Amino acid sequence: MKLPLDIASVKGFLAEDEGEALYVHARSAASLGPLLEIGTYCGKSSVYIGMGAREGGQILFTVDHHRGSEEMQPGWEHHDPETWDSETGAMDSLPFLRRTLRRAGLEDCVIAVIGPSAVIAAAWRTPVSFLFIDGGHSRTQAFADYEGWVPHVMEGGVLLIHDVFPDPRDGGRPPFEIYERALASGQFRPIAAVRSLRVLQRVKR
């Protein structure tokens, strides 16, 4: 896999081997239908998934309000002053995403859907072959993403969840909890794990 830009120059929290796993599963899932990710930020994961989508002849929809999750706000651990828009007094990662997609040559196959995930999910009607959950990590947000989007994963499609840490000392619990919920539902089976990335496939009835 040859990346179309220096991926280290894109802001984000995705390890290279996790990104490569996203690409592999995106390319495979694209034969079934469109792909979707929750939590775009500046587009690091969108590059990997978008490449897989393009090679499979599909489109990636990437959902984010671009105002940052709680831990990205001023005074919090992951705040980046460069993403702060002083005119509006709020975070704005959308210009960074647009730059990333242009540099990567992916503007034609990665479509930004801008707004709250739960609001968009309530109006969404298109089945997806690939769902990557990496949005807000509070329990409320993580479970809303799970409940709003997982029903749209088609049979044989894949569900990927980032920042799944079995040991609570390594990270927050909500991504791990929705991963456990997916397993307990009987609708998904685990097929891969790379660092904190978990990949499940929706079983066929």
Protein backbone atom coordinates (compact mmCIF):
# COMPACT_ATOMS: atom_id res chain seq x y z
CA MET A 1 0.00 0.00 0.00
CA LYS A 2 1.43 3.37 -1.05
CA LEU A 3 -0.06 6.33 0.78
CA PRO A 4 -0.80 9.41 -1.35
CA LEU A 5 0.69 11.81 1.23
CA ASP A 6 2.91 11.89 4.31
CA ILE A 7 0.42 10.49 6.80
CA ALA A 8 2.51 11.73 9.74
CA SER A 9 1.69 15.27 8.63
CA VAL A 10 -2.02 14.70 9.32
CA LYS A 11 -3.22 15.39 12.85
CA GLY A 12 -4.79 12.38 14.57
CA PHE A 13 -4.43 9.53 17.03
CA LEU A 14 -4.27 6.51 14.74
CA ALA A 15 -1.26 4.18 14.70
CA GLU A 16 0.11 3.21 11.30
CA ASP A 17 -0.70 -0.49 11.66
CA GLU A 18 -4.25 0.37 12.73
CA GLY A 19 -4.56 2.53 9.62
CA GLU A 20 -3.32 -0.30 7.43
CA ALA A 21 -5.95 -2.58 8.97
CA LEU A 22 -8.65 -0.01 8.19
CA TYR A 23 -7.48 0.06 4.58
CA VAL A 24 -7.49 -3.75 4.21
CA HIS A 25 -10.98 -4.18 5.67
CA ALA A 26 -12.33 -1.18 3.76
CA ARG A 27 -11.08 -2.54 0.45
CA SER A 28 -12.63 -5.93 1.19
CA ALA A 29 -15.97 -4.55 2.40
CA ALA A 30 -16.32 -2.19 -0.56
CA SER A 31 -17.52 -5.05 -2.74
CA LEU A 32 -20.75 -5.06 -0.70
CA GLY A 33 -21.63 -1.36 -0.60
CA PRO A 34 -20.73 2.13 0.71
CA LEU A 35 -18.60 2.71 3.81
CA LEU A 36 -19.05 5.04 6.78
CA GLU A 37 -16.92 6.34 9.64
CA ILE A 38 -17.89 8.30 12.74
CA GLY A 39 -15.25 10.70 14.00
CA THR A 40 -13.29 12.31 11.19
CA TYR A 41 -11.20 14.95 12.98
CA CYS A 42 -8.52 15.97 10.43
CA GLY A 43 -8.91 12.94 8.18
CA LYS A 44 -6.09 10.56 9.07
CA SER A 45 -8.37 7.52 9.21
CA SER A 46 -10.33 8.86 6.21
CA VAL A 47 -7.21 8.55 4.05
CA TYR A 48 -6.77 4.86 4.84
CA ILE A 49 -10.47 4.01 4.54
CA GLY A 50 -10.93 6.24 1.51
CA MET A 51 -8.12 4.48 -0.34
CA GLY A 52 -9.76 1.13 0.33
CA ALA A 53 -13.15 2.47 -0.75
CA ARG A 54 -11.74 3.89 -3.98
CA GLU A 55 -9.95 0.65 -4.88
CA GLY A 56 -13.24 -1.19 -4.33
CA GLY A 57 -15.20 1.29 -6.45
CA GLN A 58 -17.11 2.72 -3.49
CA ILE A 59 -17.65 5.91 -1.47
CA LEU A 60 -16.78 6.64 2.15
CA PHE A 61 -19.14 8.88 4.13
CA THR A 62 -17.36 10.44 7.10
CA VAL A 63 -19.50 11.91 9.89
CA ASP A 64 -18.34 14.59 12.35
CA HIS A 65 -19.58 17.92 13.72
CA HIS A 66 -15.93 19.11 13.64
CA ARG A 67 -16.22 20.95 16.96
CA GLY A 68 -14.16 18.38 18.83
CA SER A 69 -15.04 15.96 21.60
CA GLU A 70 -14.71 16.84 25.27
CA GLU A 71 -11.04 15.85 25.60
CA MET A 72 -10.12 18.13 22.68
CA GLN A 73 -11.45 21.33 24.24
CA PRO A 74 -9.16 24.01 25.78
CA GLY A 75 -7.62 22.84 29.02
CA TRP A 76 -8.07 19.16 28.19
CA GLU A 77 -5.45 16.55 27.36
CA HIS A 78 -5.83 16.41 23.58
CA HIS A 79 -6.48 20.07 22.83
CA ASP A 80 -4.55 21.37 19.80
CA PRO A 81 -4.49 25.20 19.67
CA GLU A 82 -4.09 25.10 15.89
CA THR A 83 -7.64 23.76 15.56
CA TRP A 84 -9.12 26.59 17.64
CA ASP A 85 -11.13 29.18 15.70
CA SER A 86 -10.88 32.41 17.68
CA GLU A 87 -13.54 34.10 15.56
CA THR A 88 -16.25 31.63 16.56
CA GLY A 89 -14.74 30.68 19.93
CA ALA A 90 -14.88 27.00 19.08
CA MET A 91 -12.83 24.17 17.65
CA ASP A 92 -13.02 23.67 13.90
CA SER A 93 -11.26 20.69 12.33
CA LEU A 94 -13.16 20.89 9.03
CA PRO A 95 -10.56 23.05 7.21
CA PHE A 96 -7.89 20.50 8.18
CA LEU A 97 -10.01 17.66 6.78
CA ARG A 98 -10.57 19.50 3.51
CA ARG A 99 -6.83 20.06 3.15
CA THR A 100 -6.10 16.41 3.90
CA LEU A 101 -8.57 15.11 1.32
CA ARG A 102 -7.27 17.51 -1.33
CA ARG A 103 -3.65 16.56 -0.66
CA ALA A 104 -4.57 12.88 -0.79
CA GLY A 105 -6.60 13.24 -3.99
CA LEU A 106 -9.66 11.74 -2.30
CA GLU A 107 -12.22 14.55 -2.60
CA ASP A 108 -14.24 12.58 -5.14
CA CYS A 109 -14.73 9.46 -3.02
CA VAL A 110 -14.66 10.68 0.60
CA ILE A 111 -17.80 12.66 1.39
CA ALA A 112 -17.90 14.74 4.58
CA VAL A 113 -21.26 14.68 6.38
CA ILE A 114 -21.18 17.52 8.89
CA GLY A 115 -23.34 17.50 12.00
CA PRO A 116 -24.12 15.58 15.20
CA SER A 117 -23.79 11.84 14.68
CA ALA A 118 -27.07 10.96 16.42
CA VAL A 119 -29.08 13.45 14.36
CA ILE A 120 -27.64 12.17 11.08
CA ALA A 121 -28.10 8.53 12.12
CA ALA A 122 -31.79 9.12 12.82
CA ALA A 123 -32.32 10.22 9.20
CA TRP A 124 -29.92 7.71 7.58
CA ARG A 125 -31.48 5.03 5.36
CA THR A 126 -28.57 3.51 3.39
CA PRO A 127 -27.09 0.14 4.46
CA VAL A 128 -23.31 0.23 4.86
CA SER A 129 -20.71 -2.49 4.38
CA PHE A 130 -18.18 -0.95 6.78
CA LEU A 131 -18.75 1.07 9.94
CA PHE A 132 -15.84 2.58 11.88
CA ILE A 133 -16.78 4.04 15.29
CA ASP A 134 -14.23 6.54 16.57
CA GLY A 135 -16.30 9.51 17.72
CA GLY A 136 -16.82 10.91 21.19
CA HIS A 137 -15.66 8.54 23.92
CA SER A 138 -18.10 9.52 26.67
CA ARG A 139 -20.56 6.77 27.51
CA THR A 140 -23.47 8.82 26.18
CA GLN A 141 -21.80 9.52 22.84
CA ALA A 142 -20.31 6.07 22.32
CA PHE A 143 -23.59 4.28 23.00
CA ALA A 144 -25.52 6.77 20.85
CA ASP A 145 -23.14 6.03 17.96
CA TYR A 146 -23.55 2.31 18.50
CA GLU A 147 -27.34 2.41 18.74
CA GLY A 148 -27.77 4.87 15.89
CA TRP A 149 -25.43 3.33 13.34
CA VAL A 150 -24.96 -0.41 13.97
CA PRO A 151 -28.44 -1.28 12.63
CA HIS A 152 -27.26 0.02 9.23
CA VAL A 153 -24.43 -2.54 8.94
CA MET A 154 -25.46 -5.08 6.33
CA GLU A 155 -25.05 -8.84 6.71
CA GLY A 156 -21.44 -9.76 5.97
CA GLY A 157 -20.39 -6.17 6.64
CA VAL A 158 -17.82 -5.15 9.23
CA LEU A 159 -17.94 -3.08 12.42
CA LEU A 160 -14.67 -1.55 13.59
CA ILE A 161 -14.26 0.15 16.97
CA HIS A 162 -11.21 2.20 17.97
CA ASP A 163 -9.72 2.70 21.44
CA VAL A 164 -10.94 -0.59 22.86
CA PHE A 165 -8.93 -1.15 26.04
CA PRO A 166 -9.75 -4.25 28.11
CA ASP A 167 -7.63 -2.85 30.97
CA PRO A 168 -9.22 0.39 32.26
CA ARG A 169 -5.77 1.68 33.19
CA ASP A 170 -5.00 1.97 29.47
CA GLY A 171 -7.97 4.10 28.45
CA GLY A 172 -11.64 4.97 28.79
CA ARG A 173 -14.28 2.27 29.06
CA PRO A 174 -17.09 3.22 26.63
CA PRO A 175 -15.45 1.91 23.41
CA PHE A 176 -14.71 -1.37 25.22
CA GLU A 177 -18.29 -1.48 26.50
CA ILE A 178 -19.83 -1.10 23.05
CA TYR A 179 -17.44 -3.75 21.74
CA GLU A 180 -18.67 -6.09 24.48
CA ARG A 181 -22.24 -5.18 23.62
CA ALA A 182 -21.69 -6.08 19.97
CA LEU A 183 -20.30 -9.48 20.97
CA ALA A 184 -23.13 -10.12 23.43
CA SER A 185 -25.74 -9.32 20.79
CA GLY A 186 -24.90 -12.50 18.88
CA GLN A 187 -25.02 -10.48 15.65
CA PHE A 188 -21.24 -10.05 15.32
CA ARG A 189 -18.18 -12.24 15.48
CA PRO A 190 -14.64 -10.94 16.11
CA ILE A 191 -12.30 -11.32 13.14
CA ALA A 192 -9.27 -9.14 13.93
CA ALA A 193 -7.53 -6.97 16.53
CA VAL A 194 -4.71 -4.47 15.99
CA ARG A 195 -3.60 -2.51 19.05
CA SER A 196 -6.81 -0.88 20.28
CA LEU A 197 -8.70 -1.49 17.02
CA ARG A 198 -11.28 -4.28 17.04
CA VAL A 199 -12.89 -5.68 13.91
CA LEU A 200 -16.14 -7.64 13.91
CA GLN A 201 -18.25 -9.06 11.10
CA ARG A 202 -22.03 -9.14 11.04
CA VAL A 203 -23.09 -12.77 10.81
CA LYS A 204 -25.44 -13.93 8.11
CA ARG A 205 -28.77 -15.30 9.25
